[in-house]
Amino acid sequence: MKGRVLAINTGSTSTKIGFFIDGKILFEQNLVHSVSDLSKYASVMEQDLMRRDAITEFLSEKGVSLADIDIVMSRAGLITPVRTGVYEVTDIMKKALIEGRNGVHACNLSGLLAADIAAEINEDRKRKGIEGECHAYIADPPMADEMLPEAKVGGLPEFPRRALCHALNSRAMVRRYAKEHGIADYKALTIIVAHMGGGSSVTLHRDGKIIDTNDAHGGDGPISAERAGSVPAYPLVEMCFSGKYTKEEIKKRLVGKGGAVAWFGTNDFREIAKNAEEGDTRSRTFISGYCLSVAKYIAALSTDVCGKVDAIILTGGIANNRKMMSEIEERVSFIAPVAVYPGENELESLADNGYRILSGEFEVKTYSGSCGE
């Protein structure tokens, strides 16, 4: 793998960057933005210039010349549902990210920052007489929509099931599994991936597509560190009309203050697991319930392909807990062999996509703004 890749992943209070040379990471940095800096802006989308300057200043401090960067890869934002793959950041995409057509999230900034930095790189290259143009791309948007038509059917026509998952890391882990097992074409595999972090998504991969998943940001799916997952409808309706909560407070209970946060006031599974090890029955029961919740969704997705699954992958930050992964594996190993790849791996996943673009392996798609393109 040849070339220099800059990867950008924006979060609510920080901007993660990674710089890769010929397939190897030179450095990774989490640029934390102070509360005082963030408070100067009315919305996260107004933070673009501040975050861009933080990135370029850090690169300068590390002695990285912008002109040497061949490609800028960024986390995908909440654009309209599209197919998985890599897309160049165009004016149409930037407009969709700024407008927040499917929600405003810090990840919407990634593509905007990448495009701005790529433009700055090209200006630097032009001044120095360096040939070649740098481009900015996103990879595997979270709203990647390749679901089977029958998988979108909900109990009410007004509420079709939709995809919003950890597509970037999940697809990268499928490619990793294929490589480690000597399988030349990852598209030949049928794999279920459970990504477990602040949110949990379970994805079914076949023919290189994500053909079924849950809406990890919209109240559908397993329990997670910060999200309630699917909840009983009647009690939720009662809560909505109780007069005790605003609309935003209820949404926050489902996403942000649900799951482990609702039970224990923390999203740190290490703390909950420690309490369980020390004999706290409530913590032990919750962890078992969490593992069962993830396992149920894995088993459910296996029915899409009549149980013909080549492997199950457990990934995300919570996958670092070996005991919990063993409990999930025990419940689902009857379906297929289980592999555990801990961590978020998003910067590495972005870089991997970048090198596949540079090598010509991946065809770059054009975002038009239409759903399901």
Protein backbone atom coordinates (compact mmCIF):
# COMPACT_ATOMS: atom_id res chain seq x y z
CA MET A 1 0.00 0.00 0.00
CA LYS A 2 1.50 3.28 -1.14
CA GLY A 3 0.54 6.83 -0.27
CA ARG A 4 -0.12 9.21 2.59
CA VAL A 5 -3.60 9.24 4.08
CA LEU A 6 -5.11 11.65 6.59
CA ALA A 7 -8.16 10.25 8.45
CA ILE A 8 -10.62 12.48 10.33
CA ASN A 9 -13.32 11.46 12.80
CA THR A 10 -15.27 14.21 14.59
CA GLY A 11 -17.04 13.60 17.89
CA SER A 12 -19.09 15.86 20.12
CA THR A 13 -16.13 17.20 22.12
CA SER A 14 -13.08 16.02 20.20
CA THR A 15 -11.63 15.47 16.74
CA LYS A 16 -9.66 12.29 16.17
CA ILE A 17 -7.08 12.25 13.40
CA GLY A 18 -4.70 9.62 12.10
CA PHE A 19 -1.84 10.02 9.63
CA PHE A 20 -0.77 6.97 7.65
CA ILE A 21 2.24 6.43 5.38
CA ASP A 22 2.30 3.42 3.04
CA GLY A 23 -0.33 1.59 5.06
CA LYS A 24 1.23 2.14 8.50
CA ILE A 25 0.05 4.65 11.06
CA LEU A 26 2.63 7.34 11.82
CA PHE A 27 0.56 8.90 14.58
CA GLU A 28 -2.94 9.11 16.00
CA GLN A 29 -4.22 12.04 18.04
CA ASN A 30 -7.43 12.91 19.85
CA LEU A 31 -7.74 16.69 19.69
CA VAL A 32 -9.93 17.54 22.69
CA HIS A 33 -11.89 20.80 22.44
CA SER A 34 -12.44 22.58 25.75
CA VAL A 35 -15.87 23.46 27.08
CA SER A 36 -14.95 27.14 26.86
CA ASP A 37 -14.01 26.79 23.18
CA LEU A 38 -17.17 24.86 22.31
CA SER A 39 -19.40 27.27 24.24
CA LYS A 40 -18.52 30.04 21.80
CA TYR A 41 -20.64 28.36 19.12
CA ALA A 42 -24.42 28.15 18.99
CA SER A 43 -24.34 24.76 17.23
CA VAL A 44 -21.86 22.03 16.44
CA MET A 45 -21.97 22.92 12.73
CA GLU A 46 -20.49 26.34 13.49
CA GLN A 47 -17.33 24.73 14.87
CA ASP A 48 -15.91 23.81 11.45
CA LEU A 49 -13.23 26.52 11.16
CA MET A 50 -12.08 26.05 14.74
CA ARG A 51 -11.71 22.30 14.28
CA ARG A 52 -10.06 22.66 10.88
CA ASP A 53 -7.44 25.02 12.32
CA ALA A 54 -6.84 22.60 15.21
CA ILE A 55 -6.08 19.83 12.71
CA THR A 56 -3.79 21.83 10.43
CA GLU A 57 -1.93 23.37 13.38
CA PHE A 58 -1.33 19.94 14.89
CA LEU A 59 -0.08 18.57 11.56
CA SER A 60 2.31 21.50 11.31
CA GLU A 61 3.59 20.81 14.83
CA LYS A 62 4.24 17.19 13.82
CA GLY A 63 6.22 18.35 10.78
CA VAL A 64 3.68 17.09 8.24
CA SER A 65 3.58 19.14 5.04
CA LEU A 66 0.03 19.40 3.68
CA ALA A 67 1.39 19.05 0.14
CA ASP A 68 2.53 15.49 0.96
CA ILE A 69 -0.99 14.24 1.79
CA ASP A 70 -2.47 12.20 -1.08
CA ILE A 71 -6.00 11.64 0.17
CA VAL A 72 -8.24 12.77 3.06
CA MET A 73 -10.70 10.23 4.46
CA SER A 74 -13.49 11.27 6.80
CA ARG A 75 -16.19 9.73 8.90
CA ALA A 76 -19.51 9.90 7.08
CA GLY A 77 -22.30 12.10 8.42
CA LEU A 78 -26.07 11.73 8.50
CA ILE A 79 -26.75 12.20 4.81
CA THR A 80 -29.69 10.64 2.98
CA PRO A 81 -29.68 6.82 2.95
CA VAL A 82 -27.25 5.46 0.35
CA ARG A 83 -25.47 2.23 -0.43
CA THR A 84 -22.24 1.26 1.30
CA GLY A 85 -18.95 2.23 -0.31
CA VAL A 86 -16.80 5.32 -0.76
CA TYR A 87 -18.09 8.68 -1.93
CA GLU A 88 -16.24 11.85 -2.85
CA VAL A 89 -17.24 14.87 -0.78
CA THR A 90 -19.00 17.13 -3.29
CA ASP A 91 -20.91 20.39 -2.99
CA ILE A 92 -24.17 18.41 -2.97
CA MET A 93 -22.95 16.29 -0.08
CA LYS A 94 -21.68 19.32 1.84
CA LYS A 95 -25.10 20.93 1.48
CA ALA A 96 -26.77 17.81 2.89
CA LEU A 97 -24.34 17.69 5.81
CA ILE A 98 -24.85 21.36 6.65
CA GLU A 99 -28.64 21.10 6.43
CA GLY A 100 -28.68 17.96 8.62
CA ARG A 101 -31.40 16.32 6.53
CA ASN A 102 -31.41 13.23 8.71
CA GLY A 103 -30.19 14.81 11.91
CA VAL A 104 -27.45 17.11 13.14
CA HIS A 105 -24.51 15.30 14.67
CA ALA A 106 -20.84 16.09 15.18
CA CYS A 107 -20.00 13.45 12.56
CA ASN A 108 -21.53 15.78 9.94
CA LEU A 109 -18.45 17.98 10.36
CA SER A 110 -15.99 15.29 9.25
CA GLY A 111 -16.74 15.53 5.54
CA LEU A 112 -16.77 19.33 5.63
CA LEU A 113 -13.37 19.45 7.35
CA ALA A 114 -11.95 16.89 4.92
CA ALA A 115 -13.09 18.93 1.91
CA ASP A 116 -11.64 22.16 3.34
CA ILE A 117 -8.30 20.53 4.13
CA ALA A 118 -8.14 18.85 0.71
CA ALA A 119 -8.67 22.27 -0.90
CA GLU A 120 -5.87 23.70 1.26
CA ILE A 121 -3.61 20.79 0.28
CA ASN A 122 -4.24 21.46 -3.42
CA GLU A 123 -3.41 25.14 -3.01
CA ASP A 124 -0.15 24.17 -1.27
CA ARG A 125 0.67 21.68 -4.02
CA LYS A 126 0.03 24.26 -6.70
CA ARG A 127 2.34 26.76 -5.01
CA LYS A 128 5.09 24.14 -4.78
CA GLY A 129 4.59 22.86 -8.33
CA ILE A 130 3.59 19.37 -7.15
CA GLU A 131 1.49 17.38 -9.62
CA GLY A 132 -1.61 15.46 -8.64
CA GLU A 133 -4.76 16.50 -6.86
CA CYS A 134 -5.90 15.55 -3.37
CA HIS A 135 -9.55 14.57 -2.88
CA ALA A 136 -11.75 14.15 0.18
CA TYR A 137 -13.94 11.09 0.67
CA ILE A 138 -16.33 9.50 3.13
CA ALA A 139 -16.65 5.76 3.58
CA ASP A 140 -19.59 3.53 4.52
CA PRO A 141 -22.12 6.07 5.85
CA PRO A 142 -24.03 5.07 9.01
CA MET A 143 -27.30 5.38 7.08
CA ALA A 144 -26.09 2.86 4.48
CA ASP A 145 -29.32 1.36 3.15
CA GLU A 146 -29.07 -2.02 1.43
CA MET A 147 -31.71 -3.73 3.54
CA LEU A 148 -33.85 -6.46 2.06
CA PRO A 149 -37.34 -5.08 1.27
CA GLU A 150 -38.93 -7.54 3.70
CA ALA A 151 -36.50 -6.45 6.43
CA LYS A 152 -37.86 -2.91 6.22
CA VAL A 153 -41.42 -3.99 6.97
CA GLY A 154 -42.67 -2.78 10.35
CA GLY A 155 -45.90 -3.52 12.17
CA LEU A 156 -47.22 -0.09 11.16
CA PRO A 157 -46.76 1.22 7.60
CA GLU A 158 -45.96 4.64 9.08
CA PHE A 159 -42.95 3.14 10.86
CA PRO A 160 -40.81 1.23 8.39
CA ARG A 161 -37.59 -0.20 9.82
CA ARG A 162 -34.56 1.82 8.77
CA ALA A 163 -30.81 1.33 8.79
CA LEU A 164 -28.53 3.41 10.98
CA CYS A 165 -25.54 1.37 12.03
CA HIS A 166 -21.76 1.29 12.52
CA ALA A 167 -21.24 0.49 8.84
CA LEU A 168 -17.65 1.76 8.66
CA ASN A 169 -16.13 -0.44 11.36
CA SER A 170 -18.44 -3.39 10.64
CA ARG A 171 -17.45 -3.66 6.98
CA ALA A 172 -13.76 -3.19 7.82
CA MET A 173 -13.98 -6.08 10.29
CA VAL A 174 -15.53 -8.30 7.61
CA ARG A 175 -12.58 -7.51 5.30
CA ARG A 176 -10.17 -8.18 8.19
CA TYR A 177 -11.78 -11.55 8.89
CA ALA A 178 -11.55 -12.51 5.22
CA LYS A 179 -7.87 -11.55 5.05
CA GLU A 180 -7.00 -13.46 8.24
CA HIS A 181 -8.74 -16.56 6.92
CA GLY A 182 -7.18 -16.47 3.47
CA ILE A 183 -10.39 -15.57 1.66
CA ALA A 184 -9.56 -13.38 -1.35
CA ASP A 185 -13.01 -11.88 -1.82
CA TYR A 186 -14.76 -10.75 1.37
CA LYS A 187 -17.99 -10.48 -0.64
CA ALA A 188 -18.13 -14.27 -0.75
CA LEU A 189 -18.80 -14.34 3.00
CA THR A 190 -22.05 -14.09 4.93
CA ILE A 191 -21.20 -12.58 8.31
CA ILE A 192 -23.07 -11.06 11.23
CA VAL A 193 -21.22 -8.24 13.01
CA ALA A 194 -22.23 -6.94 16.44
CA HIS A 195 -20.68 -3.53 17.16
CA MET A 196 -20.95 -2.67 20.84
CA GLY A 197 -20.07 0.82 22.06
CA GLY A 198 -22.08 3.84 23.20
CA GLY A 199 -24.66 2.46 20.79
CA SER A 200 -25.10 -1.11 19.57
CA SER A 201 -25.73 -2.20 16.01
CA VAL A 202 -25.95 -5.70 14.60
CA THR A 203 -25.41 -5.99 10.86
CA LEU A 204 -25.83 -8.85 8.39
CA HIS A 205 -23.33 -8.79 5.52
CA ARG A 206 -23.86 -10.76 2.31
CA ASP A 207 -22.35 -10.18 -1.14
CA GLY A 208 -20.52 -7.16 0.28
CA LYS A 209 -23.77 -5.48 1.32
CA ILE A 210 -25.46 -4.86 4.66
CA ILE A 211 -28.79 -6.54 3.99
CA ASP A 212 -30.30 -6.14 7.47
CA THR A 213 -29.55 -4.17 10.63
CA ASN A 214 -31.17 -2.08 13.36
CA ASP A 215 -31.59 1.67 13.73
CA ALA A 216 -28.92 2.18 16.38
CA HIS A 217 -29.70 5.87 16.78
CA GLY A 218 -33.47 5.69 16.57
CA GLY A 219 -34.54 3.43 19.41
CA ASP A 220 -34.28 0.05 17.69
CA GLY A 221 -31.93 -2.75 18.62
CA PRO A 222 -30.09 -4.23 21.61
CA ILE A 223 -29.50 -2.46 24.90
CA SER A 224 -26.31 -0.39 24.85
CA ALA A 225 -24.17 1.75 27.12
CA GLU A 226 -26.23 4.88 26.42
CA ARG A 227 -29.32 3.67 24.56
CA ALA A 228 -32.41 1.85 25.71
CA GLY A 229 -32.76 -0.18 22.55
CA SER A 230 -36.17 -1.54 21.62
CA VAL A 231 -38.63 -0.97 24.47
CA PRO A 232 -42.26 -2.07 25.08
CA ALA A 233 -44.62 0.25 23.21
CA TYR A 234 -47.45 0.68 25.74
CA PRO A 235 -45.29 1.84 28.68
CA LEU A 236 -43.51 4.23 26.30
CA VAL A 237 -46.85 5.71 25.21
CA GLU A 238 -47.84 6.14 28.86
CA MET A 239 -44.56 7.95 29.53
CA CYS A 240 -45.09 10.24 26.54
CA PHE A 241 -48.53 11.33 27.80
CA SER A 242 -47.75 11.39 31.52
CA GLY A 243 -47.00 15.11 31.47
CA LYS A 244 -43.76 14.47 33.36
CA TYR A 245 -41.44 14.73 30.37
CA THR A 246 -40.93 16.94 27.35
CA LYS A 247 -40.51 15.41 23.90
CA GLU A 248 -36.76 16.03 24.02
CA GLU A 249 -36.46 14.49 27.50
CA ILE A 250 -38.14 11.28 26.34
CA LYS A 251 -35.92 11.07 23.25
CA LYS A 252 -32.92 11.54 25.52
CA ARG A 253 -34.15 8.71 27.75
CA LEU A 254 -34.10 6.46 24.72
CA VAL A 255 -30.84 7.68 23.18
CA GLY A 256 -28.19 9.22 25.40
CA LYS A 257 -29.52 8.47 28.86
CA GLY A 258 -30.85 4.97 28.30
CA GLY A 259 -29.20 1.59 28.74
CA ALA A 260 -26.42 1.46 31.32
CA VAL A 261 -26.76 5.20 31.98
CA ALA A 262 -30.41 4.75 33.01
CA TRP A 263 -29.59 1.79 35.23
CA PHE A 264 -26.40 3.01 36.89
CA GLY A 265 -25.77 6.62 35.89
CA THR A 266 -22.64 5.64 33.93
CA ASN A 267 -21.82 4.42 30.44
CA ASP A 268 -18.58 2.81 31.64
CA PHE A 269 -19.02 -0.96 31.40
CA ARG A 270 -15.68 -1.44 33.15
CA GLU A 271 -17.17 0.05 36.30
CA ILE A 272 -20.35 -2.03 36.04
CA ALA A 273 -18.35 -5.21 35.35
CA LYS A 274 -16.12 -4.51 38.36
CA ASN A 275 -19.18 -4.15 40.58
CA ALA A 276 -20.55 -7.41 39.19
CA GLU A 277 -17.26 -9.20 39.93
CA GLU A 278 -17.42 -7.88 43.48
CA GLY A 279 -20.83 -9.46 43.97
CA ASP A 280 -23.34 -6.73 43.10
CA THR A 281 -26.38 -8.72 41.94
CA ARG A 282 -28.00 -5.84 40.04
CA SER A 283 -24.84 -5.22 38.00
CA ARG A 284 -24.42 -8.94 37.29
CA THR A 285 -28.03 -9.26 36.13
CA PHE A 286 -27.76 -6.21 33.88
CA ILE A 287 -24.60 -7.47 32.20
CA SER A 288 -26.19 -10.85 31.53
CA GLY A 289 -29.27 -9.08 30.18
CA TYR A 290 -27.09 -6.94 27.94
CA CYS A 291 -25.28 -9.99 26.55
CA LEU A 292 -28.59 -11.77 25.99
CA SER A 293 -29.98 -8.71 24.20
CA VAL A 294 -27.06 -8.65 21.74
CA ALA A 295 -27.21 -12.42 21.26
CA LYS A 296 -30.95 -12.27 20.47
CA TYR A 297 -30.35 -9.78 17.67
CA ILE A 298 -27.52 -11.87 16.25
CA ALA A 299 -29.75 -14.93 16.25
CA ALA A 300 -32.63 -12.97 14.73
CA LEU A 301 -30.53 -11.78 11.78
CA SER A 302 -29.40 -15.33 11.08
CA THR A 303 -32.98 -16.13 10.06
CA ASP A 304 -32.66 -13.73 7.09
CA VAL A 305 -30.32 -16.25 5.49
CA CYS A 306 -31.89 -19.40 6.96
CA GLY A 307 -28.97 -19.81 9.36
CA LYS A 308 -26.36 -20.02 6.60
CA VAL A 309 -23.79 -17.77 8.29
CA ASP A 310 -20.02 -18.15 7.83
CA ALA A 311 -18.95 -16.23 10.92
CA ILE A 312 -20.05 -13.90 13.71
CA ILE A 313 -17.83 -10.95 14.64
CA LEU A 314 -17.97 -9.13 17.98
CA THR A 315 -16.39 -5.66 17.90
CA GLY A 316 -16.53 -2.18 19.42
CA GLY A 317 -15.21 -0.83 22.71
CA ILE A 318 -17.18 -3.24 24.91
CA ALA A 319 -15.63 -6.18 23.03
CA ASN A 320 -12.54 -5.57 25.21
CA ASN A 321 -14.42 -7.29 28.04
CA ARG A 322 -13.47 -10.93 27.47
CA LYS A 323 -15.93 -12.35 29.99
CA MET A 324 -18.90 -10.60 28.35
CA MET A 325 -17.75 -11.70 24.89
CA SER A 326 -17.47 -15.27 26.12
CA GLU A 327 -21.05 -15.10 27.40
CA ILE A 328 -22.31 -13.83 24.03
CA GLU A 329 -20.22 -16.41 22.17
CA GLU A 330 -21.66 -19.20 24.28
CA ARG A 331 -25.16 -18.14 23.26
CA VAL A 332 -24.56 -17.78 19.49
CA SER A 333 -21.72 -20.16 18.56
CA PHE A 334 -24.30 -22.74 17.51
CA ILE A 335 -24.97 -20.50 14.51
CA ALA A 336 -21.37 -19.96 13.30
CA PRO A 337 -17.77 -19.54 14.54
CA VAL A 338 -17.20 -16.36 16.56
CA ALA A 339 -14.30 -13.90 16.17
CA VAL A 340 -13.66 -11.02 18.58
CA TYR A 341 -12.05 -7.80 17.29
CA PRO A 342 -12.10 -5.27 20.15
CA GLY A 343 -12.10 -1.51 19.62
CA GLU A 344 -13.79 1.08 17.43
CA ASN A 345 -11.06 0.93 14.73
CA GLU A 346 -12.61 3.85 12.84
CA LEU A 347 -9.40 5.67 11.87
CA GLU A 348 -7.83 2.42 10.67
CA SER A 349 -11.02 1.60 8.78
CA LEU A 350 -10.97 4.99 7.07
CA ALA A 351 -7.33 4.56 6.11
CA ASP A 352 -8.01 1.08 4.74
CA ASN A 353 -10.72 2.54 2.51
CA GLY A 354 -8.33 5.30 1.42
CA TYR A 355 -5.64 2.89 0.33
CA ARG A 356 -8.18 0.81 -1.57
CA ILE A 357 -9.18 4.01 -3.42
CA LEU A 358 -5.54 4.85 -4.19
CA SER A 359 -4.92 1.31 -5.47
CA GLY A 360 -7.99 1.41 -7.71
CA GLU A 361 -9.62 -1.49 -5.88
CA PHE A 362 -12.65 0.57 -4.83
CA GLU A 363 -14.85 2.40 -7.28
CA VAL A 364 -15.64 5.90 -6.01
CA LYS A 365 -19.36 6.65 -6.01
CA THR A 366 -21.01 10.00 -6.61
CA TYR A 367 -23.51 11.29 -4.08
CA SER A 368 -26.58 12.81 -5.73
CA GLY A 369 -28.69 13.41 -2.64
CA SER A 370 -31.28 10.76 -3.58
CA CYS A 371 -32.27 8.05 -1.13
CA GLY A 372 -31.03 4.51 -1.77
CA GLU A 373 -28.77 5.45 -4.65
